[in-house]
Amino acid sequence: MDKLIDFIQQPWPWWVSGPLIAYVMFSLLYFGKGFGVSTNFKTICCMLGSCKASDFFCFNWRDQIWNLMFIGGVIIGGFISSHFLTPDTAVA
């Protein structure tokens, strides 16, 4: 398990992370999904009833649940990586 954590903590080269990001983006385009954190603001406003104020917010927000789950995963992943996957570098 320590070898796996050591591998994850190392910087990944561009030729690994770049194609992974491209794969995710092209998969979302193929399936007709929009991607972006700012789209979640529109979804949250629609969930809170902003449709009464503007037609821009009138859409089926349940179709965007996957994107809200993505944001939840980003927050949880950031917490895990900052608390458990950072090396112990004490500032003297």
C-alpha atoms as a PDB file:
ATOM      1  CA  MET A   1       0.000   0.000   0.000  1.00  0.00           C
ATOM      2  CA  ASP A   2       2.895   2.356   0.726  1.00  0.00           C
ATOM      3  CA  LYS A   3       4.194   1.898  -2.824  1.00  0.00           C
ATOM      4  CA  LEU A   4       0.821   2.921  -4.231  1.00  0.00           C
ATOM      5  CA  ILE A   5       0.678   6.052  -2.077  1.00  0.00           C
ATOM      6  CA  ASP A   6       4.257   6.922  -3.044  1.00  0.00           C
ATOM      7  CA  PHE A   7       3.297   6.533  -6.714  1.00  0.00           C
ATOM      8  CA  ILE A   8       0.217   8.751  -6.357  1.00  0.00           C
ATOM      9  CA  GLN A   9       2.180  11.469  -4.554  1.00  0.00           C
ATOM     10  CA  GLN A  10       4.707  11.815  -7.373  1.00  0.00           C
ATOM     11  CA  PRO A  11       4.043  14.387 -10.121  1.00  0.00           C
ATOM     12  CA  TRP A  12       2.498  12.726 -13.144  1.00  0.00           C
ATOM     13  CA  PRO A  13       3.996  13.460 -16.564  1.00  0.00           C
ATOM     14  CA  TRP A  14       1.962  15.392 -19.102  1.00  0.00           C
ATOM     15  CA  TRP A  15       1.679  12.383 -21.395  1.00  0.00           C
ATOM     16  CA  VAL A  16      -0.362  10.552 -18.733  1.00  0.00           C
ATOM     17  CA  SER A  17      -2.541  13.278 -17.255  1.00  0.00           C
ATOM     18  CA  GLY A  18      -3.185  15.114 -20.546  1.00  0.00           C
ATOM     19  CA  PRO A  19      -4.747  12.156 -22.385  1.00  0.00           C
ATOM     20  CA  LEU A  20      -6.813  11.272 -19.298  1.00  0.00           C
ATOM     21  CA  ILE A  21      -8.267  14.783 -19.205  1.00  0.00           C
ATOM     22  CA  ALA A  22      -8.899  14.670 -22.971  1.00  0.00           C
ATOM     23  CA  TYR A  23     -10.619  11.284 -22.627  1.00  0.00           C
ATOM     24  CA  VAL A  24     -12.995  12.643 -19.984  1.00  0.00           C
ATOM     25  CA  MET A  25     -13.794  15.760 -22.022  1.00  0.00           C
ATOM     26  CA  PHE A  26     -14.415  13.872 -25.283  1.00  0.00           C
ATOM     27  CA  SER A  27     -16.554  11.317 -23.447  1.00  0.00           C
ATOM     28  CA  LEU A  28     -18.729  14.101 -22.062  1.00  0.00           C
ATOM     29  CA  LEU A  29     -19.048  15.675 -25.510  1.00  0.00           C
ATOM     30  CA  TYR A  30     -19.946  12.309 -27.033  1.00  0.00           C
ATOM     31  CA  PHE A  31     -22.729  11.732 -24.516  1.00  0.00           C
ATOM     32  CA  GLY A  32     -24.008  15.307 -24.875  1.00  0.00           C
ATOM     33  CA  LYS A  33     -23.153  16.411 -21.354  1.00  0.00           C
ATOM     34  CA  GLY A  34     -22.010  19.910 -20.531  1.00  0.00           C
ATOM     35  CA  PHE A  35     -19.027  20.222 -18.271  1.00  0.00           C
ATOM     36  CA  GLY A  36     -18.163  23.040 -15.967  1.00  0.00           C
ATOM     37  CA  VAL A  37     -18.333  24.096 -12.394  1.00  0.00           C
ATOM     38  CA  SER A  38     -20.243  27.274 -13.222  1.00  0.00           C
ATOM     39  CA  THR A  39     -23.116  25.214 -14.660  1.00  0.00           C
ATOM     40  CA  ASN A  40     -23.778  24.063 -11.115  1.00  0.00           C
ATOM     41  CA  PHE A  41     -24.608  27.618 -10.047  1.00  0.00           C
ATOM     42  CA  LYS A  42     -27.425  27.635 -12.609  1.00  0.00           C
ATOM     43  CA  THR A  43     -28.592  24.221 -11.387  1.00  0.00           C
ATOM     44  CA  ILE A  44     -28.582  25.294  -7.739  1.00  0.00           C
ATOM     45  CA  CYS A  45     -30.496  28.483  -8.580  1.00  0.00           C
ATOM     46  CA  CYS A  46     -33.091  26.406 -10.426  1.00  0.00           C
ATOM     47  CA  MET A  47     -33.365  24.038  -7.455  1.00  0.00           C
ATOM     48  CA  LEU A  48     -33.970  26.992  -5.137  1.00  0.00           C
ATOM     49  CA  GLY A  49     -36.866  28.299  -7.244  1.00  0.00           C
ATOM     50  CA  SER A  50     -35.321  31.020  -9.398  1.00  0.00           C
ATOM     51  CA  CYS A  51     -37.551  29.913 -12.256  1.00  0.00           C
ATOM     52  CA  LYS A  52     -40.154  32.292 -10.883  1.00  0.00           C
ATOM     53  CA  ALA A  53     -37.803  35.236 -11.398  1.00  0.00           C
ATOM     54  CA  SER A  54     -36.275  34.378 -14.791  1.00  0.00           C
ATOM     55  CA  ASP A  55     -36.951  31.957 -17.633  1.00  0.00           C
ATOM     56  CA  PHE A  56     -33.201  31.314 -17.897  1.00  0.00           C
ATOM     57  CA  PHE A  57     -33.448  29.098 -14.820  1.00  0.00           C
ATOM     58  CA  CYS A  58     -36.434  27.087 -16.084  1.00  0.00           C
ATOM     59  CA  PHE A  59     -35.087  23.660 -17.006  1.00  0.00           C
ATOM     60  CA  ASN A  60     -35.157  20.135 -15.622  1.00  0.00           C
ATOM     61  CA  TRP A  61     -32.443  20.364 -12.962  1.00  0.00           C
ATOM     62  CA  ARG A  62     -32.656  16.626 -12.249  1.00  0.00           C
ATOM     63  CA  ASP A  63     -30.754  16.038 -15.499  1.00  0.00           C
ATOM     64  CA  GLN A  64     -27.760  17.807 -13.915  1.00  0.00           C
ATOM     65  CA  ILE A  65     -27.516  15.689 -10.747  1.00  0.00           C
ATOM     66  CA  TRP A  66     -24.384  13.996 -12.131  1.00  0.00           C
ATOM     67  CA  ASN A  67     -22.646  17.375 -12.339  1.00  0.00           C
ATOM     68  CA  LEU A  68     -23.525  18.162  -8.729  1.00  0.00           C
ATOM     69  CA  MET A  69     -22.077  14.772  -7.757  1.00  0.00           C
ATOM     70  CA  PHE A  70     -18.909  15.736  -9.630  1.00  0.00           C
ATOM     71  CA  ILE A  71     -18.560  18.898  -7.541  1.00  0.00           C
ATOM     72  CA  GLY A  72     -19.095  16.854  -4.392  1.00  0.00           C
ATOM     73  CA  GLY A  73     -16.328  14.506  -5.535  1.00  0.00           C
ATOM     74  CA  VAL A  74     -14.007  17.434  -6.209  1.00  0.00           C
ATOM     75  CA  ILE A  75     -14.537  18.744  -2.690  1.00  0.00           C
ATOM     76  CA  ILE A  76     -14.084  15.322  -1.076  1.00  0.00           C
ATOM     77  CA  GLY A  77     -11.045  14.551  -3.247  1.00  0.00           C
ATOM     78  CA  GLY A  78      -9.459  17.879  -2.354  1.00  0.00           C
ATOM     79  CA  PHE A  79      -9.954  17.175   1.327  1.00  0.00           C
ATOM     80  CA  ILE A  80      -8.500  13.674   1.066  1.00  0.00           C
ATOM     81  CA  SER A  81      -5.491  14.786  -0.949  1.00  0.00           C
ATOM     82  CA  SER A  82      -4.699  17.737   1.300  1.00  0.00           C
ATOM     83  CA  HIS A  83      -4.992  15.789   4.544  1.00  0.00           C
ATOM     84  CA  PHE A  84      -3.745  12.325   3.641  1.00  0.00           C
ATOM     85  CA  LEU A  85      -1.591  12.551   0.503  1.00  0.00           C
ATOM     86  CA  THR A  86       0.657  15.506   1.273  1.00  0.00           C
ATOM     87  CA  PRO A  87       4.178  14.917   2.532  1.00  0.00           C
ATOM     88  CA  ASP A  88       5.050  16.078   6.017  1.00  0.00           C
ATOM     89  CA  THR A  89       7.046  19.229   5.356  1.00  0.00           C
ATOM     90  CA  ALA A  90       7.377  21.200   8.540  1.00  0.00           C
ATOM     91  CA  VAL A  91       8.330  24.847   8.250  1.00  0.00           C
ATOM     92  CA  ALA A  92      11.090  25.666  10.701  1.00  0.00           C
END
